[in-house]
Amino acid sequence: MSHTRQKLLAFLAAQVAVFALASLAHRGILVSGYEHARAAVAETVIAAVLAVGLVVCLIRPAATRAAALAVQAFALLGVCVGLLMIAIGVGPRTGPDLVLHAVMLVTLVFGLLTARRAGASAVE
């Protein structure tokens, strides 16, 4: 397994974990006081999409780059929508939520850059 593929798998696994934990927090399961049903649903959907991408990468190594690009781009779009909702006052505006979105944004951007830089043969 190439180093680039390992990095992409690690990014996807970490992203699944971050979005799943965010969903649990917004459901009030991990911590109370940060409940937000719409955010929890969105984070669950994004975690599921990232998880499907991770499974595709594991099953079809040749598809790693394309799958990583697709699912991370989808997740980045979701995070941008979430940030827009925060900016206009629809979503939660707590410090932990802003930090969480920053972590999501950073991991997605670096994961996308890693996938974009990788040639198709570099991830097989």
PDB file of N, CA and C in Angstrom:
ATOM      1  N   MET A   1       0.860  -1.175   0.000  1.00  0.00           N
ATOM      2  CA  MET A   1       0.000   0.000   0.000  1.00  0.00           C
ATOM      3  C   MET A   1       0.906   1.237   0.000  1.00  0.00           C
ATOM      4  N   SER A   2       0.593   2.182  -0.869  1.00  0.00           N
ATOM      5  CA  SER A   2       1.414   3.380  -0.975  1.00  0.00           C
ATOM      6  C   SER A   2       1.204   4.303   0.227  1.00  0.00           C
ATOM      7  N   HIS A   3       2.201   5.138   0.453  1.00  0.00           N
ATOM      8  CA  HIS A   3       2.129   6.098   1.560  1.00  0.00           C
ATOM      9  C   HIS A   3       0.966   7.071   1.347  1.00  0.00           C
ATOM     10  N   THR A   4       0.748   7.501   0.124  1.00  0.00           N
ATOM     11  CA  THR A   4      -0.340   8.437  -0.172  1.00  0.00           C
ATOM     12  C   THR A   4      -1.689   7.793   0.103  1.00  0.00           C
ATOM     13  N   ARG A   5      -1.842   6.552  -0.286  1.00  0.00           N
ATOM     14  CA  ARG A   5      -3.108   5.847  -0.035  1.00  0.00           C
ATOM     15  C   ARG A   5      -3.340   5.706   1.466  1.00  0.00           C
ATOM     16  N   GLN A   6      -2.286   5.384   2.206  1.00  0.00           N
ATOM     17  CA  GLN A   6      -2.406   5.285   3.657  1.00  0.00           C
ATOM     18  C   GLN A   6      -2.854   6.621   4.255  1.00  0.00           C
ATOM     19  N   LYS A   7      -2.282   7.715   3.763  1.00  0.00           N
ATOM     20  CA  LYS A   7      -2.665   9.037   4.260  1.00  0.00           C
ATOM     21  C   LYS A   7      -4.131   9.328   3.954  1.00  0.00           C
ATOM     22  N   LEU A   8      -4.576   8.985   2.749  1.00  0.00           N
ATOM     23  CA  LEU A   8      -5.971   9.232   2.386  1.00  0.00           C
ATOM     24  C   LEU A   8      -6.920   8.392   3.236  1.00  0.00           C
ATOM     25  N   LEU A   9      -6.568   7.159   3.477  1.00  0.00           N
ATOM     26  CA  LEU A   9      -7.392   6.302   4.338  1.00  0.00           C
ATOM     27  C   LEU A   9      -7.438   6.858   5.755  1.00  0.00           C
ATOM     28  N   ALA A  10      -6.307   7.360   6.238  1.00  0.00           N
ATOM     29  CA  ALA A  10      -6.265   7.943   7.577  1.00  0.00           C
ATOM     30  C   ALA A  10      -7.122   9.205   7.650  1.00  0.00           C
ATOM     31  N   PHE A  11      -7.040  10.053   6.625  1.00  0.00           N
ATOM     32  CA  PHE A  11      -7.880  11.248   6.596  1.00  0.00           C
ATOM     33  C   PHE A  11      -9.355  10.858   6.630  1.00  0.00           C
ATOM     34  N   LEU A  12      -9.742   9.916   5.789  1.00  0.00           N
ATOM     35  CA  LEU A  12     -11.152   9.516   5.739  1.00  0.00           C
ATOM     36  C   LEU A  12     -11.614   8.922   7.063  1.00  0.00           C
ATOM     37  N   ALA A  13     -10.800   8.083   7.673  1.00  0.00           N
ATOM     38  CA  ALA A  13     -11.175   7.480   8.953  1.00  0.00           C
ATOM     39  C   ALA A  13     -11.324   8.561  10.030  1.00  0.00           C
ATOM     40  N   ALA A  14     -10.394   9.503  10.053  1.00  0.00           N
ATOM     41  CA  ALA A  14     -10.475  10.588  11.040  1.00  0.00           C
ATOM     42  C   ALA A  14     -11.709  11.449  10.796  1.00  0.00           C
ATOM     43  N   GLN A  15     -12.010  11.712   9.541  1.00  0.00           N
ATOM     44  CA  GLN A  15     -13.172  12.536   9.204  1.00  0.00           C
ATOM     45  C   GLN A  15     -14.474  11.837   9.595  1.00  0.00           C
ATOM     46  N   VAL A  16     -14.559  10.551   9.349  1.00  0.00           N
ATOM     47  CA  VAL A  16     -15.743   9.797   9.775  1.00  0.00           C
ATOM     48  C   VAL A  16     -15.910   9.940  11.285  1.00  0.00           C
ATOM     49  N   ALA A  17     -14.823   9.778  12.013  1.00  0.00           N
ATOM     50  CA  ALA A  17     -14.879   9.873  13.477  1.00  0.00           C
ATOM     51  C   ALA A  17     -15.300  11.276  13.926  1.00  0.00           C
ATOM     52  N   VAL A  18     -14.737  12.310  13.325  1.00  0.00           N
ATOM     53  CA  VAL A  18     -15.070  13.691  13.714  1.00  0.00           C
ATOM     54  C   VAL A  18     -16.544  13.978  13.475  1.00  0.00           C
ATOM     55  N   PHE A  19     -17.052  13.601  12.314  1.00  0.00           N
ATOM     56  CA  PHE A  19     -18.462  13.880  12.011  1.00  0.00           C
ATOM     57  C   PHE A  19     -19.396  13.023  12.871  1.00  0.00           C
ATOM     58  N   ALA A  20     -19.019  11.785  13.128  1.00  0.00           N
ATOM     59  CA  ALA A  20     -19.850  10.931  13.984  1.00  0.00           C
ATOM     60  C   ALA A  20     -19.887  11.478  15.413  1.00  0.00           C
ATOM     61  N   LEU A  21     -18.740  11.894  15.921  1.00  0.00           N
ATOM     62  CA  LEU A  21     -18.702  12.473  17.269  1.00  0.00           C
ATOM     63  C   LEU A  21     -19.489  13.782  17.336  1.00  0.00           C
ATOM     64  N   ALA A  22     -19.393  14.586  16.288  1.00  0.00           N
ATOM     65  CA  ALA A  22     -20.160  15.836  16.246  1.00  0.00           C
ATOM     66  C   ALA A  22     -21.654  15.542  16.264  1.00  0.00           C
ATOM     67  N   SER A  23     -22.061  14.530  15.521  1.00  0.00           N
ATOM     68  CA  SER A  23     -23.468  14.148  15.498  1.00  0.00           C
ATOM     69  C   SER A  23     -23.931  13.692  16.884  1.00  0.00           C
ATOM     70  N   LEU A  24     -23.109  12.887  17.543  1.00  0.00           N
ATOM     71  CA  LEU A  24     -23.458  12.429  18.889  1.00  0.00           C
ATOM     72  C   LEU A  24     -23.529  13.588  19.879  1.00  0.00           C
ATOM     73  N   ALA A  25     -22.639  14.558  19.728  1.00  0.00           N
ATOM     74  CA  ALA A  25     -22.674  15.737  20.595  1.00  0.00           C
ATOM     75  C   ALA A  25     -23.935  16.557  20.340  1.00  0.00           C
ATOM     76  N   HIS A  26     -24.297  16.728  19.061  1.00  0.00           N
ATOM     77  CA  HIS A  26     -25.489  17.512  18.734  1.00  0.00           C
ATOM     78  C   HIS A  26     -26.783  16.766  19.062  1.00  0.00           C
ATOM     79  N   ARG A  27     -26.690  15.480  19.317  1.00  0.00           N
ATOM     80  CA  ARG A  27     -27.852  14.711  19.775  1.00  0.00           C
ATOM     81  C   ARG A  27     -27.944  14.716  21.301  1.00  0.00           C
ATOM     82  N   GLY A  28     -26.929  15.251  21.961  1.00  0.00           N
ATOM     83  CA  GLY A  28     -26.918  15.273  23.417  1.00  0.00           C
ATOM     84  C   GLY A  28     -26.447  13.976  24.035  1.00  0.00           C
ATOM     85  N   ILE A  29     -25.856  13.092  23.231  1.00  0.00           N
ATOM     86  CA  ILE A  29     -25.400  11.799  23.728  1.00  0.00           C
ATOM     87  C   ILE A  29     -24.026  11.921  24.389  1.00  0.00           C
ATOM     88  N   LEU A  30     -23.117  12.661  23.781  1.00  0.00           N
ATOM     89  CA  LEU A  30     -21.777  12.827  24.358  1.00  0.00           C
ATOM     90  C   LEU A  30     -21.738  13.905  25.428  1.00  0.00           C
ATOM     91  N   VAL A  31     -22.369  15.021  25.129  1.00  0.00           N
ATOM     92  CA  VAL A  31     -22.430  16.140  26.071  1.00  0.00           C
ATOM     93  C   VAL A  31     -23.808  16.771  25.960  1.00  0.00           C
ATOM     94  N   SER A  32     -24.249  17.349  27.046  1.00  0.00           N
ATOM     95  CA  SER A  32     -25.541  18.026  26.986  1.00  0.00           C
ATOM     96  C   SER A  32     -25.314  19.532  26.874  1.00  0.00           C
ATOM     97  N   GLY A  33     -26.320  20.211  26.373  1.00  0.00           N
ATOM     98  CA  GLY A  33     -26.236  21.649  26.223  1.00  0.00           C
ATOM     99  C   GLY A  33     -25.874  22.100  24.820  1.00  0.00           C
ATOM    100  N   TYR A  34     -25.548  21.149  23.939  1.00  0.00           N
ATOM    101  CA  TYR A  34     -25.167  21.492  22.567  1.00  0.00           C
ATOM    102  C   TYR A  34     -26.094  20.828  21.554  1.00  0.00           C
ATOM    103  N   GLU A  35     -27.291  20.471  21.992  1.00  0.00           N
ATOM    104  CA  GLU A  35     -28.219  19.767  21.123  1.00  0.00           C
ATOM    105  C   GLU A  35     -28.672  20.669  19.968  1.00  0.00           C
ATOM    106  N   HIS A  36     -28.694  20.085  18.793  1.00  0.00           N
ATOM    107  CA  HIS A  36     -29.215  20.763  17.607  1.00  0.00           C
ATOM    108  C   HIS A  36     -29.551  19.670  16.594  1.00  0.00           C
ATOM    109  N   ALA A  37     -30.838  19.380  16.451  1.00  0.00           N
ATOM    110  CA  ALA A  37     -31.292  18.236  15.660  1.00  0.00           C
ATOM    111  C   ALA A  37     -30.872  18.323  14.202  1.00  0.00           C
ATOM    112  N   ARG A  38     -30.999  19.491  13.583  1.00  0.00           N
ATOM    113  CA  ARG A  38     -30.645  19.610  12.164  1.00  0.00           C
ATOM    114  C   ARG A  38     -29.150  19.400  11.937  1.00  0.00           C
ATOM    115  N   ALA A  39     -28.331  19.952  12.827  1.00  0.00           N
ATOM    116  CA  ALA A  39     -26.887  19.743  12.708  1.00  0.00           C
ATOM    117  C   ALA A  39     -26.554  18.266  12.876  1.00  0.00           C
ATOM    118  N   ALA A  40     -27.214  17.597  13.811  1.00  0.00           N
ATOM    119  CA  ALA A  40     -26.968  16.175  14.051  1.00  0.00           C
ATOM    120  C   ALA A  40     -27.292  15.347  12.816  1.00  0.00           C
ATOM    121  N   VAL A  41     -28.398  15.662  12.161  1.00  0.00           N
ATOM    122  CA  VAL A  41     -28.780  14.917  10.949  1.00  0.00           C
ATOM    123  C   VAL A  41     -27.760  15.150   9.841  1.00  0.00           C
ATOM    124  N   ALA A  42     -27.396  16.402   9.634  1.00  0.00           N
ATOM    125  CA  ALA A  42     -26.425  16.718   8.582  1.00  0.00           C
ATOM    126  C   ALA A  42     -25.090  16.014   8.838  1.00  0.00           C
ATOM    127  N   GLU A  43     -24.641  16.038  10.079  1.00  0.00           N
ATOM    128  CA  GLU A  43     -23.366  15.391  10.407  1.00  0.00           C
ATOM    129  C   GLU A  43     -23.446  13.880  10.262  1.00  0.00           C
ATOM    130  N   THR A  44     -24.587  13.304  10.554  1.00  0.00           N
ATOM    131  CA  THR A  44     -24.768  11.860  10.361  1.00  0.00           C
ATOM    132  C   THR A  44     -24.695  11.503   8.886  1.00  0.00           C
ATOM    133  N   VAL A  45     -25.360  12.282   8.054  1.00  0.00           N
ATOM    134  CA  VAL A  45     -25.326  12.038   6.600  1.00  0.00           C
ATOM    135  C   VAL A  45     -23.901  12.164   6.081  1.00  0.00           C
ATOM    136  N   ILE A  46     -23.201  13.218   6.492  1.00  0.00           N
ATOM    137  CA  ILE A  46     -21.832  13.415   6.015  1.00  0.00           C
ATOM    138  C   ILE A  46     -20.929  12.289   6.508  1.00  0.00           C
ATOM    139  N   ALA A  47     -21.074  11.882   7.765  1.00  0.00           N
ATOM    140  CA  ALA A  47     -20.275  10.761   8.287  1.00  0.00           C
ATOM    141  C   ALA A  47     -20.543   9.494   7.486  1.00  0.00           C
ATOM    142  N   ALA A  48     -21.804   9.259   7.139  1.00  0.00           N
ATOM    143  CA  ALA A  48     -22.154   8.057   6.361  1.00  0.00           C
ATOM    144  C   ALA A  48     -21.541   8.107   4.966  1.00  0.00           C
ATOM    145  N   VAL A  49     -21.600   9.253   4.320  1.00  0.00           N
ATOM    146  CA  VAL A  49     -21.010   9.395   2.981  1.00  0.00           C
ATOM    147  C   VAL A  49     -19.501   9.174   3.049  1.00  0.00           C
ATOM    148  N   LEU A  50     -18.847   9.771   4.041  1.00  0.00           N
ATOM    149  CA  LEU A  50     -17.404   9.561   4.206  1.00  0.00           C
ATOM    150  C   LEU A  50     -17.090   8.095   4.492  1.00  0.00           C
ATOM    151  N   ALA A  51     -17.929   7.429   5.279  1.00  0.00           N
ATOM    152  CA  ALA A  51     -17.725   6.009   5.586  1.00  0.00           C
ATOM    153  C   ALA A  51     -17.861   5.153   4.331  1.00  0.00           C
ATOM    154  N   VAL A  52     -18.839   5.468   3.504  1.00  0.00           N
ATOM    155  CA  VAL A  52     -18.985   4.742   2.229  1.00  0.00           C
ATOM    156  C   VAL A  52     -17.742   4.953   1.376  1.00  0.00           C
ATOM    157  N   GLY A  53     -17.257   6.181   1.327  1.00  0.00           N
ATOM    158  CA  GLY A  53     -16.028   6.458   0.576  1.00  0.00           C
ATOM    159  C   GLY A  53     -14.852   5.666   1.106  1.00  0.00           C
ATOM    160  N   LEU A  54     -14.734   5.572   2.419  1.00  0.00           N
ATOM    161  CA  LEU A  54     -13.659   4.794   3.026  1.00  0.00           C
ATOM    162  C   LEU A  54     -13.766   3.323   2.644  1.00  0.00           C
ATOM    163  N   VAL A  55     -14.970   2.779   2.677  1.00  0.00           N
ATOM    164  CA  VAL A  55     -15.174   1.374   2.299  1.00  0.00           C
ATOM    165  C   VAL A  55     -14.821   1.160   0.827  1.00  0.00           C
ATOM    166  N   VAL A  56     -15.231   2.077  -0.033  1.00  0.00           N
ATOM    167  CA  VAL A  56     -14.881   1.980  -1.457  1.00  0.00           C
ATOM    168  C   VAL A  56     -13.361   1.965  -1.617  1.00  0.00           C
ATOM    169  N   CYS A  57     -12.679   2.836  -0.892  1.00  0.00           N
ATOM    170  CA  CYS A  57     -11.218   2.887  -0.966  1.00  0.00           C
ATOM    171  C   CYS A  57     -10.579   1.583  -0.512  1.00  0.00           C
ATOM    172  N   LEU A  58     -11.154   0.960   0.494  1.00  0.00           N
ATOM    173  CA  LEU A  58     -10.613  -0.303   0.996  1.00  0.00           C
ATOM    174  C   LEU A  58     -10.879  -1.461   0.045  1.00  0.00           C
ATOM    175  N   ILE A  59     -12.056  -1.456  -0.579  1.00  0.00           N
ATOM    176  CA  ILE A  59     -12.434  -2.550  -1.470  1.00  0.00           C
ATOM    177  C   ILE A  59     -11.808  -2.411  -2.853  1.00  0.00           C
ATOM    178  N   ARG A  60     -11.739  -1.173  -3.346  1.00  0.00           N
ATOM    179  CA  ARG A  60     -11.208  -0.916  -4.690  1.00  0.00           C
ATOM    180  C   ARG A  60     -10.055   0.078  -4.613  1.00  0.00           C
ATOM    181  N   PRO A  61      -8.860  -0.379  -4.323  1.00  0.00           N
ATOM    182  CA  PRO A  61      -7.718   0.524  -4.185  1.00  0.00           C
ATOM    183  C   PRO A  61      -7.519   1.462  -5.379  1.00  0.00           C
ATOM    184  N   ALA A  62      -7.825   1.001  -6.569  1.00  0.00           N
ATOM    185  CA  ALA A  62      -7.649   1.847  -7.760  1.00  0.00           C
ATOM    186  C   ALA A  62      -8.603   3.040  -7.756  1.00  0.00           C
ATOM    187  N   ALA A  63      -9.671   2.957  -6.986  1.00  0.00           N
ATOM    188  CA  ALA A  63     -10.657   4.045  -6.927  1.00  0.00           C
ATOM    189  C   ALA A  63     -10.413   4.991  -5.752  1.00  0.00           C
ATOM    190  N   THR A  64      -9.330   4.790  -5.031  1.00  0.00           N
ATOM    191  CA  THR A  64      -9.085   5.575  -3.817  1.00  0.00           C
ATOM    192  C   THR A  64      -9.093   7.068  -4.079  1.00  0.00           C
ATOM    193  N   ARG A  65      -8.336   7.517  -5.062  1.00  0.00           N
ATOM    194  CA  ARG A  65      -8.228   8.956  -5.317  1.00  0.00           C
ATOM    195  C   ARG A  65      -9.586   9.545  -5.681  1.00  0.00           C
ATOM    196  N   ALA A  66     -10.283   8.926  -6.600  1.00  0.00           N
ATOM    197  CA  ALA A  66     -11.579   9.450  -7.042  1.00  0.00           C
ATOM    198  C   ALA A  66     -12.599   9.434  -5.907  1.00  0.00           C
ATOM    199  N   ALA A  67     -12.637   8.358  -5.160  1.00  0.00           N
ATOM    200  CA  ALA A  67     -13.597   8.263  -4.050  1.00  0.00           C
ATOM    201  C   ALA A  67     -13.278   9.292  -2.975  1.00  0.00           C
ATOM    202  N   ALA A  68     -12.003   9.435  -2.641  1.00  0.00           N
ATOM    203  CA  ALA A  68     -11.611  10.407  -1.617  1.00  0.00           C
ATOM    204  C   ALA A  68     -11.954  11.827  -2.059  1.00  0.00           C
ATOM    205  N   LEU A  69     -11.693  12.147  -3.317  1.00  0.00           N
ATOM    206  CA  LEU A  69     -12.041  13.475  -3.821  1.00  0.00           C
ATOM    207  C   LEU A  69     -13.546  13.717  -3.743  1.00  0.00           C
ATOM    208  N   ALA A  70     -14.320  12.746  -4.169  1.00  0.00           N
ATOM    209  CA  ALA A  70     -15.775  12.919  -4.227  1.00  0.00           C
ATOM    210  C   ALA A  70     -16.394  13.081  -2.842  1.00  0.00           C
ATOM    211  N   VAL A  71     -16.076  12.182  -1.936  1.00  0.00           N
ATOM    212  CA  VAL A  71     -16.747  12.239  -0.628  1.00  0.00           C
ATOM    213  C   VAL A  71     -16.265  13.410   0.216  1.00  0.00           C
ATOM    214  N   GLN A  72     -14.991  13.755   0.094  1.00  0.00           N
ATOM    215  CA  GLN A  72     -14.493  14.901   0.856  1.00  0.00           C
ATOM    216  C   GLN A  72     -15.032  16.218   0.291  1.00  0.00           C
ATOM    217  N   ALA A  73     -15.216  16.293  -1.021  1.00  0.00           N
ATOM    218  CA  ALA A  73     -15.815  17.491  -1.613  1.00  0.00           C
ATOM    219  C   ALA A  73     -17.258  17.647  -1.125  1.00  0.00           C
ATOM    220  N   PHE A  74     -17.991  16.547  -1.079  1.00  0.00           N
ATOM    221  CA  PHE A  74     -19.355  16.575  -0.550  1.00  0.00           C
ATOM    222  C   PHE A  74     -19.356  17.061   0.895  1.00  0.00           C
ATOM    223  N   ALA A  75     -18.445  16.512   1.707  1.00  0.00           N
ATOM    224  CA  ALA A  75     -18.369  16.892   3.117  1.00  0.00           C
ATOM    225  C   ALA A  75     -17.988  18.361   3.266  1.00  0.00           C
ATOM    226  N   LEU A  76     -17.070  18.833   2.437  1.00  0.00           N
ATOM    227  CA  LEU A  76     -16.664  20.238   2.494  1.00  0.00           C
ATOM    228  C   LEU A  76     -17.838  21.149   2.157  1.00  0.00           C
ATOM    229  N   LEU A  77     -18.622  20.768   1.183  1.00  0.00           N
ATOM    230  CA  LEU A  77     -19.828  21.537   0.852  1.00  0.00           C
ATOM    231  C   LEU A  77     -20.761  21.591   2.065  1.00  0.00           C
ATOM    232  N   GLY A  78     -20.933  20.462   2.732  1.00  0.00           N
ATOM    233  CA  GLY A  78     -21.780  20.424   3.926  1.00  0.00           C
ATOM    234  C   GLY A  78     -21.261  21.307   5.039  1.00  0.00           C
ATOM    235  N   VAL A  79     -19.947  21.317   5.246  1.00  0.00           N
ATOM    236  CA  VAL A  79     -19.353  22.166   6.278  1.00  0.00           C
ATOM    237  C   VAL A  79     -19.548  23.638   5.925  1.00  0.00           C
ATOM    238  N   CYS A  80     -19.388  23.963   4.649  1.00  0.00           N
ATOM    239  CA  CYS A  80     -19.601  25.356   4.220  1.00  0.00           C
ATOM    240  C   CYS A  80     -21.046  25.784   4.446  1.00  0.00           C
ATOM    241  N   VAL A  81     -21.989  24.901   4.182  1.00  0.00           N
ATOM    242  CA  VAL A  81     -23.396  25.203   4.464  1.00  0.00           C
ATOM    243  C   VAL A  81     -23.579  25.404   5.968  1.00  0.00           C
ATOM    244  N   GLY A  82     -22.963  24.546   6.774  1.00  0.00           N
ATOM    245  CA  GLY A  82     -23.045  24.683   8.226  1.00  0.00           C
ATOM    246  C   GLY A  82     -22.472  26.007   8.706  1.00  0.00           C
ATOM    247  N   LEU A  83     -21.348  26.411   8.150  1.00  0.00           N
ATOM    248  CA  LEU A  83     -20.744  27.689   8.521  1.00  0.00           C
ATOM    249  C   LEU A  83     -21.633  28.859   8.103  1.00  0.00           C
ATOM    250  N   LEU A  84     -22.272  28.733   6.950  1.00  0.00           N
ATOM    251  CA  LEU A  84     -23.209  29.768   6.509  1.00  0.00           C
ATOM    252  C   LEU A  84     -24.385  29.865   7.473  1.00  0.00           C
ATOM    253  N   MET A  85     -24.892  28.726   7.901  1.00  0.00           N
ATOM    254  CA  MET A  85     -26.004  28.719   8.859  1.00  0.00           C
ATOM    255  C   MET A  85     -25.589  29.380  10.177  1.00  0.00           C
ATOM    256  N   ILE A  86     -24.374  29.096  10.622  1.00  0.00           N
ATOM    257  CA  ILE A  86     -23.870  29.729  11.839  1.00  0.00           C
ATOM    258  C   ILE A  86     -23.781  31.241  11.629  1.00  0.00           C
ATOM    259  N   ALA A  87     -23.279  31.651  10.480  1.00  0.00           N
ATOM    260  CA  ALA A  87     -23.091  33.076  10.200  1.00  0.00           C
ATOM    261  C   ALA A  87     -24.411  33.849  10.171  1.00  0.00           C
ATOM    262  N   ILE A  88     -25.463  33.200   9.674  1.00  0.00           N
ATOM    263  CA  ILE A  88     -26.748  33.914   9.598  1.00  0.00           C
ATOM    264  C   ILE A  88     -27.609  33.680  10.838  1.00  0.00           C
ATOM    265  N   GLY A  89     -27.081  32.922  11.798  1.00  0.00           N
ATOM    266  CA  GLY A  89     -27.776  32.749  13.069  1.00  0.00           C
ATOM    267  C   GLY A  89     -28.741  31.585  13.138  1.00  0.00           C
ATOM    268  N   VAL A  90     -28.690  30.667  12.189  1.00  0.00           N
ATOM    269  CA  VAL A  90     -29.613  29.535  12.191  1.00  0.00           C
ATOM    270  C   VAL A  90     -29.086  28.395  13.064  1.00  0.00           C
ATOM    271  N   GLY A  91     -27.823  28.113  12.984  1.00  0.00           N
ATOM    272  CA  GLY A  91     -27.250  27.000  13.731  1.00  0.00           C
ATOM    273  C   GLY A  91     -26.686  27.429  15.064  1.00  0.00           C
ATOM    274  N   PRO A  92     -26.172  26.468  15.806  1.00  0.00           N
ATOM    275  CA  PRO A  92     -25.560  26.796  17.096  1.00  0.00           C
ATOM    276  C   PRO A  92     -24.323  27.666  16.871  1.00  0.00           C
ATOM    277  N   ARG A  93     -24.107  28.610  17.782  1.00  0.00           N
ATOM    278  CA  ARG A  93     -22.993  29.545  17.627  1.00  0.00           C
ATOM    279  C   ARG A  93     -22.066  29.486  18.836  1.00  0.00           C
ATOM    280  N   THR A  94     -21.871  28.325  19.372  1.00  0.00           N
ATOM    281  CA  THR A  94     -21.037  28.187  20.557  1.00  0.00           C
ATOM    282  C   THR A  94     -19.565  28.073  20.159  1.00  0.00           C
ATOM    283  N   GLY A  95     -18.690  28.346  21.105  1.00  0.00           N
ATOM    284  CA  GLY A  95     -17.255  28.199  20.871  1.00  0.00           C
ATOM    285  C   GLY A  95     -16.878  26.796  20.443  1.00  0.00           C
ATOM    286  N   PRO A  96     -17.346  25.761  21.169  1.00  0.00           N
ATOM    287  CA  PRO A  96     -17.012  24.396  20.763  1.00  0.00           C
ATOM    288  C   PRO A  96     -17.507  24.058  19.340  1.00  0.00           C
ATOM    289  N   ASP A  97     -18.653  24.602  18.969  1.00  0.00           N
ATOM    290  CA  ASP A  97     -19.164  24.328  17.628  1.00  0.00           C
ATOM    291  C   ASP A  97     -18.283  24.981  16.562  1.00  0.00           C
ATOM    292  N   LEU A  98     -17.821  26.172  16.829  1.00  0.00           N
ATOM    293  CA  LEU A  98     -16.927  26.855  15.888  1.00  0.00           C
ATOM    294  C   LEU A  98     -15.592  26.124  15.780  1.00  0.00           C
ATOM    295  N   VAL A  99     -15.067  25.656  16.915  1.00  0.00           N
ATOM    296  CA  VAL A  99     -13.820  24.881  16.892  1.00  0.00           C
ATOM    297  C   VAL A  99     -14.023  23.585  16.113  1.00  0.00           C
ATOM    298  N   LEU A 100     -15.141  22.930  16.335  1.00  0.00           N
ATOM    299  CA  LEU A 100     -15.452  21.696  15.622  1.00  0.00           C
ATOM    300  C   LEU A 100     -15.503  21.932  14.118  1.00  0.00           C
ATOM    301  N   HIS A 101     -16.152  23.000  13.696  1.00  0.00           N
ATOM    302  CA  HIS A 101     -16.205  23.310  12.267  1.00  0.00           C
ATOM    303  C   HIS A 101     -14.821  23.633  11.712  1.00  0.00           C
ATOM    304  N   ALA A 102     -13.989  24.274  12.506  1.00  0.00           N
ATOM    305  CA  ALA A 102     -12.621  24.561  12.064  1.00  0.00           C
ATOM    306  C   ALA A 102     -11.842  23.266  11.862  1.00  0.00           C
ATOM    307  N   VAL A 103     -11.997  22.321  12.798  1.00  0.00           N
ATOM    308  CA  VAL A 103     -11.325  21.019  12.667  1.00  0.00           C
ATOM    309  C   VAL A 103     -11.821  20.301  11.423  1.00  0.00           C
ATOM    310  N   MET A 104     -13.132  20.310  11.215  1.00  0.00           N
ATOM    311  CA  MET A 104     -13.701  19.672  10.022  1.00  0.00           C
ATOM    312  C   MET A 104     -13.124  20.301   8.759  1.00  0.00           C
ATOM    313  N   LEU A 105     -13.117  21.613   8.718  1.00  0.00           N
ATOM    314  CA  LEU A 105     -12.635  22.337   7.554  1.00  0.00           C
ATOM    315  C   LEU A 105     -11.174  22.010   7.270  1.00  0.00           C
ATOM    316  N   VAL A 106     -10.348  22.038   8.287  1.00  0.00           N
ATOM    317  CA  VAL A 106      -8.914  21.782   8.109  1.00  0.00           C
ATOM    318  C   VAL A 106      -8.668  20.354   7.627  1.00  0.00           C
ATOM    319  N   THR A 107      -9.302  19.363   8.261  1.00  0.00           N
ATOM    320  CA  THR A 107      -9.066  17.977   7.843  1.00  0.00           C
ATOM    321  C   THR A 107      -9.561  17.728   6.430  1.00  0.00           C
ATOM    322  N   LEU A 108     -10.676  18.348   6.067  1.00  0.00           N
ATOM    323  CA  LEU A 108     -11.202  18.160   4.712  1.00  0.00           C
ATOM    324  C   LEU A 108     -10.317  18.830   3.669  1.00  0.00           C
ATOM    325  N   VAL A 109      -9.866  20.025   3.953  1.00  0.00           N
ATOM    326  CA  VAL A 109      -9.009  20.727   2.985  1.00  0.00           C
ATOM    327  C   VAL A 109      -7.702  19.965   2.785  1.00  0.00           C
ATOM    328  N   PHE A 110      -7.070  19.538   3.880  1.00  0.00           N
ATOM    329  CA  PHE A 110      -5.818  18.792   3.734  1.00  0.00           C
ATOM    330  C   PHE A 110      -6.041  17.432   3.075  1.00  0.00           C
ATOM    331  N   GLY A 111      -7.146  16.781   3.379  1.00  0.00           N
ATOM    332  CA  GLY A 111      -7.464  15.514   2.711  1.00  0.00           C
ATOM    333  C   GLY A 111      -7.693  15.699   1.225  1.00  0.00           C
ATOM    334  N   LEU A 112      -8.408  16.752   0.864  1.00  0.00           N
ATOM    335  CA  LEU A 112      -8.640  17.038  -0.557  1.00  0.00           C
ATOM    336  C   LEU A 112      -7.341  17.391  -1.274  1.00  0.00           C
ATOM    337  N   LEU A 113      -6.501  18.175  -0.637  1.00  0.00           N
ATOM    338  CA  LEU A 113      -5.219  18.522  -1.254  1.00  0.00           C
ATOM    339  C   LEU A 113      -4.349  17.287  -1.451  1.00  0.00           C
ATOM    340  N   THR A 114      -4.361  16.391  -0.479  1.00  0.00           N
ATOM    341  CA  THR A 114      -3.601  15.149  -0.602  1.00  0.00           C
ATOM    342  C   THR A 114      -4.123  14.309  -1.758  1.00  0.00           C
ATOM    343  N   ALA A 115      -5.434  14.199  -1.873  1.00  0.00           N
ATOM    344  CA  ALA A 115      -6.031  13.412  -2.959  1.00  0.00           C
ATOM    345  C   ALA A 115      -5.775  14.070  -4.308  1.00  0.00           C
ATOM    346  N   ARG A 116      -5.875  15.375  -4.352  1.00  0.00           N
ATOM    347  CA  ARG A 116      -5.684  16.094  -5.617  1.00  0.00           C
ATOM    348  C   ARG A 116      -4.250  15.962  -6.116  1.00  0.00           C
ATOM    349  N   ARG A 117      -3.299  16.049  -5.207  1.00  0.00           N
ATOM    350  CA  ARG A 117      -1.877  15.962  -5.591  1.00  0.00           C
ATOM    351  C   ARG A 117      -1.478  14.565  -6.021  1.00  0.00           C
ATOM    352  N   ALA A 118      -2.195  13.584  -5.530  1.00  0.00           N
ATOM    353  CA  ALA A 118      -1.837  12.191  -5.824  1.00  0.00           C
ATOM    354  C   ALA A 118      -2.205  11.850  -7.256  1.00  0.00           C
ATOM    355  N   GLY A 119      -1.293  11.259  -7.938  1.00  0.00           N
ATOM    356  CA  GLY A 119      -1.614  10.711  -9.253  1.00  0.00           C
ATOM    357  C   GLY A 119      -2.365   9.415  -9.072  1.00  0.00           C
ATOM    358  N   ALA A 120      -3.045   8.971 -10.094  1.00  0.00           N
ATOM    359  CA  ALA A 120      -3.822   7.735  -9.987  1.00  0.00           C
ATOM    360  C   ALA A 120      -2.945   6.557  -9.577  1.00  0.00           C
ATOM    361  N   SER A 121      -1.722   6.502 -10.072  1.00  0.00           N
ATOM    362  CA  SER A 121      -0.846   5.377  -9.744  1.00  0.00           C
ATOM    363  C   SER A 121      -0.263   5.494  -8.338  1.00  0.00           C
ATOM    364  N   ALA A 122      -0.276   6.693  -7.759  1.00  0.00           N
ATOM    365  CA  ALA A 122       0.317   6.902  -6.439  1.00  0.00           C
ATOM    366  C   ALA A 122      -0.515   6.319  -5.313  1.00  0.00           C
ATOM    367  N   VAL A 123      -1.771   6.004  -5.555  1.00  0.00           N
ATOM    368  CA  VAL A 123      -2.633   5.506  -4.493  1.00  0.00           C
ATOM    369  C   VAL A 123      -2.933   4.016  -4.604  1.00  0.00           C
ATOM    370  N   GLU A 124      -2.442   3.378  -5.596  1.00  0.00           N
ATOM    371  CA  GLU A 124      -2.732   1.936  -5.766  1.00  0.00           C
ATOM    372  C   GLU A 124      -1.855   1.095  -4.895  1.00  0.00           C
TER     373      GLU A 124
END
